[in-house]
Protein backbone atom coordinates (compact mmCIF):
# COMPACT_ATOMS: atom_id res chain seq x y z
CA UNK A 1 0.02 0.01 0.19
CA UNK A 2 1.29 3.53 -0.87
CA UNK A 3 -0.19 6.80 0.22
CA UNK A 4 0.62 10.76 -0.97
CA UNK A 5 -1.06 13.64 0.22
CA UNK A 6 -1.78 15.64 -2.66
CA UNK A 7 -0.63 19.29 -2.51
CA UNK A 8 -2.27 22.53 -4.50
CA UNK A 9 -0.93 26.25 -5.12
CA UNK A 10 -1.46 28.63 -2.35
CA UNK A 11 -0.99 31.65 -3.74
CA UNK A 12 -0.61 33.26 0.12
CA UNK A 13 2.82 31.01 -0.38
CA UNK A 14 3.19 31.35 -3.56
CA UNK A 15 4.00 27.57 -3.59
CA UNK A 16 1.83 24.22 -4.17
CA UNK A 17 1.83 23.62 0.14
CA UNK A 18 -2.48 23.36 0.87
CA UNK A 19 -3.14 19.50 1.60
CA UNK A 20 -5.77 19.21 -0.74
CA UNK A 21 -6.72 14.89 -0.52
CA UNK A 22 -5.31 12.05 0.01
CA UNK A 23 -3.90 9.08 -2.19
CA UNK A 24 -3.70 5.73 -1.78
CA UNK A 25 -3.43 2.38 -4.27
CA UNK A 26 -3.03 -1.22 -2.90
CA UNK A 27 -1.26 -3.12 -5.68
CA UNK A 28 -0.96 -6.54 -3.44
CA UNK A 29 -5.12 -7.73 -4.98
CA UNK A 30 -5.20 -9.17 -7.91
CA UNK A 31 -6.27 -5.62 -9.53
CA UNK A 32 -4.78 -2.83 -7.96
CA UNK A 33 -7.35 -0.35 -5.82
CA UNK A 34 -7.28 3.09 -5.01
CA UNK A 35 -9.10 5.27 -2.64
CA UNK A 36 -9.09 8.97 -2.50
CA UNK A 37 -10.31 11.09 0.09
CA UNK A 38 -10.49 15.07 -0.33
CA UNK A 39 -10.07 18.42 2.00
CA UNK A 40 -13.21 19.89 2.66
CA UNK A 41 -12.91 23.60 1.19
CA UNK A 42 -9.90 23.06 -0.71
CA UNK A 43 -11.74 22.56 -4.08
CA UNK A 44 -9.53 24.92 -6.52
CA UNK A 45 -6.57 24.28 -4.61
CA UNK A 46 -7.08 20.67 -5.90
CA UNK A 47 -8.12 21.23 -9.65
CA UNK A 48 -5.25 19.87 -11.05
CA UNK A 49 -5.62 16.59 -9.20
CA UNK A 50 -8.82 15.90 -9.82
CA UNK A 51 -8.24 16.14 -13.63
CA UNK A 52 -4.92 14.33 -13.25
CA UNK A 53 -7.15 11.13 -11.62
CA UNK A 54 -10.29 11.06 -13.77
CA UNK A 55 -9.70 8.44 -15.98
CA UNK A 56 -6.87 7.40 -15.07
CA UNK A 57 -5.84 3.63 -14.40
CA UNK A 58 -3.81 2.55 -11.11
CA UNK A 59 -1.07 1.72 -13.43
CA UNK A 60 -1.14 4.99 -15.03
CA UNK A 61 -1.64 6.41 -12.16
CA UNK A 62 1.57 4.84 -10.28
CA UNK A 63 3.79 5.38 -13.82
CA UNK A 64 2.96 8.90 -13.57
CA UNK A 65 3.05 9.59 -9.51
CA UNK A 66 6.43 10.15 -9.89
CA UNK A 67 6.84 12.80 -12.03
CA UNK A 68 3.46 14.97 -10.78
CA UNK A 69 4.67 14.52 -7.37
CA UNK A 70 8.01 16.44 -8.28
CA UNK A 71 5.63 19.35 -9.51
CA UNK A 72 5.74 22.93 -9.01
CA UNK A 73 1.59 24.08 -8.65
CA UNK A 74 0.83 20.91 -7.39
CA UNK A 75 3.09 17.92 -6.15
CA UNK A 76 2.87 15.38 -3.91
CA UNK A 77 4.63 13.66 -0.97
CA UNK A 78 4.34 10.07 -0.40
CA UNK A 79 3.93 9.33 4.12
CA UNK A 80 3.79 6.05 5.41
CA UNK A 81 0.04 4.85 6.91
CA UNK A 82 -0.08 5.70 10.57
CA UNK A 83 -2.18 2.18 11.02
CA UNK A 84 0.12 -0.31 9.04
CA UNK A 85 -2.31 -3.08 8.93
CA UNK A 86 -5.89 -1.20 7.93
CA UNK A 87 -7.05 -1.84 4.42
CA UNK A 88 -6.61 1.09 1.81
CA UNK A 89 -9.96 3.14 2.41
CA UNK A 90 -9.00 3.48 6.46
CA UNK A 91 -5.22 4.22 5.40
CA UNK A 92 -6.12 7.12 3.39
CA UNK A 93 -8.70 8.51 5.92
CA UNK A 94 -6.48 8.45 9.03
CA UNK A 95 -4.01 9.98 7.26
CA UNK A 96 -6.69 12.67 5.99
CA UNK A 97 -7.77 12.91 9.94
CA UNK A 98 -4.25 13.62 11.30
CA UNK A 99 -4.13 16.74 8.24
CA UNK A 100 -7.01 18.06 9.53
CA UNK A 101 -6.53 17.56 13.55
CA UNK A 102 -2.79 18.98 12.66
CA UNK A 103 -4.67 22.11 11.45
CA UNK A 104 -5.81 22.99 14.47
């Protein structure tokens, strides 16, 4: 299982530092499974990521993520699951909860 915090452009800081979603992929099953959870109220900052992910197969995401993660306007940071043995959905949602909790 691999997780990324997807980052969007922040006009305030002039960099892609706004967490817009957590994306996860599990390639351990017969068919790869993906799950994404969007951060509330970050719709505009997450626009590029929504465009990248729509209609993209899990294999294509894996192939492109290294490049996407390094782009200046919409980058990504790979993170380790907080709960290592969790399901993909639980791992992604736990990471979003952690991001939202640290924003207080």
